[in-house]
Protein backbone atom coordinates (compact mmCIF):
# COMPACT_ATOMS: atom_id res chain seq x y z
CA THR A 1 -1.62 -20.77 -35.71
CA ILE A 2 -4.73 -19.31 -34.17
CA HIS A 3 -6.80 -21.43 -31.83
CA ILE A 4 -10.55 -21.70 -32.29
CA ALA A 5 -11.20 -20.40 -28.77
CA GLU A 6 -9.12 -17.30 -29.53
CA GLN A 7 -11.05 -16.71 -32.75
CA ALA A 8 -14.33 -16.78 -30.89
CA GLY A 9 -12.97 -14.53 -28.16
CA SER A 10 -14.45 -16.78 -25.49
CA ALA A 11 -11.24 -17.90 -23.79
CA MET A 12 -8.22 -15.99 -22.55
CA SER A 13 -4.88 -17.74 -22.50
CA VAL A 14 -2.56 -17.40 -19.53
CA GLN A 15 -0.21 -15.10 -21.45
CA GLU A 16 -2.99 -12.58 -22.12
CA ARG A 17 -3.64 -11.86 -18.44
CA ASP A 18 -2.70 -8.53 -16.90
CA PRO A 19 0.77 -8.09 -15.45
CA CYS A 20 1.11 -9.08 -11.81
CA PRO A 21 0.52 -5.83 -9.91
CA HIS A 22 -2.67 -5.25 -11.87
CA ARG A 23 -3.68 -8.90 -11.66
CA ILE A 24 -3.52 -8.84 -7.86
CA LEU A 25 -5.71 -5.73 -7.60
CA ASP A 26 -8.13 -7.11 -10.19
CA ASP A 27 -8.46 -10.39 -8.30
CA ILE A 28 -8.97 -8.60 -4.97
CA GLY A 29 -11.78 -6.51 -6.46
CA GLY A 30 -13.40 -9.47 -8.17
CA ALA A 31 -13.23 -11.59 -5.04
CA PHE A 32 -14.72 -8.78 -2.93
CA ALA A 33 -17.59 -8.34 -5.40
CA MET A 34 -18.26 -12.08 -5.53
CA GLY A 35 -18.22 -12.37 -1.74
CA ALA A 36 -20.39 -9.29 -1.22
CA ILE A 37 -22.99 -10.38 -3.77
CA GLY A 38 -23.04 -13.99 -2.59
CA GLY A 39 -23.03 -12.86 1.03
CA GLY A 40 -25.85 -10.45 0.28
CA LEU A 41 -28.01 -13.19 -1.19
CA TRP A 42 -27.17 -15.63 1.60
CA ASN A 43 -27.83 -13.11 4.37
CA MET A 44 -31.02 -11.88 2.70
CA VAL A 45 -32.51 -15.36 3.04
CA LYS A 46 -31.03 -15.86 6.50
CA GLY A 47 -32.30 -12.47 7.72
CA ALA A 48 -35.79 -13.15 6.39
CA ARG A 49 -35.96 -16.59 7.99
CA ASN A 50 -34.82 -15.31 11.39
CA SER A 51 -37.19 -12.33 11.46
CA PRO A 52 -40.76 -12.35 12.78
CA ARG A 53 -43.61 -12.24 10.29
CA GLY A 54 -44.21 -8.70 9.08
CA GLU A 55 -40.59 -7.63 9.59
CA ARG A 56 -38.94 -9.98 7.13
CA MET A 57 -37.94 -7.31 4.62
CA GLN A 58 -36.40 -5.14 7.31
CA GLY A 59 -34.65 -8.18 8.81
CA SER A 60 -33.25 -9.09 5.38
CA ILE A 61 -31.89 -5.61 4.76
CA SER A 62 -30.42 -5.43 8.25
CA ALA A 63 -28.66 -8.79 7.84
CA ILE A 64 -27.30 -7.79 4.41
CA ARG A 65 -25.93 -4.49 5.71
CA ALA A 66 -24.34 -6.16 8.72
CA ARG A 67 -22.72 -9.24 7.17
CA ALA A 68 -22.30 -8.91 3.38
CA PRO A 69 -19.34 -6.49 3.52
CA ILE A 70 -17.59 -8.74 6.04
CA LEU A 71 -17.94 -11.76 3.78
CA GLY A 72 -16.79 -9.66 0.82
CA GLY A 73 -13.70 -8.64 2.78
CA ASN A 74 -12.95 -12.24 3.67
CA PHE A 75 -13.16 -13.21 0.01
CA ALA A 76 -10.93 -10.25 -0.91
CA VAL A 77 -8.26 -11.43 1.54
CA TRP A 78 -8.39 -14.91 0.04
CA GLY A 79 -8.18 -13.53 -3.52
CA GLY A 80 -5.34 -11.17 -2.65
CA LEU A 81 -3.29 -13.87 -0.96
CA PHE A 82 -3.84 -16.32 -3.79
CA SER A 83 -2.87 -13.80 -6.47
CA SER A 84 0.13 -12.59 -4.50
CA PHE A 85 1.43 -16.12 -4.07
CA ASP A 86 0.68 -16.88 -7.72
CA CYS A 87 2.59 -13.83 -8.96
CA SER A 88 5.46 -14.55 -6.57
CA LEU A 89 5.75 -18.10 -7.84
CA VAL A 90 5.63 -16.95 -11.47
CA TRP A 91 8.48 -14.56 -10.74
CA LEU A 92 10.43 -17.13 -8.72
CA ARG A 93 10.05 -20.05 -11.15
CA ARG A 94 10.11 -17.90 -14.33
CA LYS A 95 7.23 -19.84 -15.88
CA GLU A 96 3.45 -19.89 -15.74
CA ASP A 97 1.97 -23.34 -15.39
CA PRO A 98 -0.72 -25.08 -13.32
CA TRP A 99 1.78 -25.89 -10.54
CA ASN A 100 1.87 -22.21 -9.60
CA SER A 101 -1.88 -22.23 -8.98
CA ILE A 102 -1.71 -25.49 -7.06
CA ALA A 103 1.07 -24.21 -4.81
CA SER A 104 -0.68 -20.83 -4.43
CA GLY A 105 -3.82 -22.55 -3.22
CA ALA A 106 -1.86 -24.61 -0.72
CA LEU A 107 0.06 -21.59 0.56
CA THR A 108 -3.12 -19.52 0.82
CA GLY A 109 -4.85 -22.28 2.75
CA GLY A 110 -1.87 -22.57 5.07
CA VAL A 111 -1.73 -18.83 5.79
CA LEU A 112 -5.48 -18.59 6.38
CA ALA A 113 -5.42 -21.65 8.65
CA ALA A 114 -2.51 -20.20 10.63
CA ARG A 115 -4.25 -16.92 11.40
């Protein structure tokens, strides 16, 4: 049988995801982009608020250039660790279920807290 979500093309089942080496790289890139864009917006506002009147645009651009790539890199590390643990657990347990994601999140949090 075909599910309604699959007919509409709006949802992707777990089995349709990329294989693990590609999934890890895809998640690292997506996490970096999300962190860089979010960090850019956050630091744009922060740079403008901390700059004197008349230099707000320059302060925004300076803050974005200084901090957005760092935040993007931090997000990429988180995404890479999570995907690596997720793929490792899929290989180890030989099944893909929500427990892999739960354990991956816990392991990622533990590694990031330890460093």
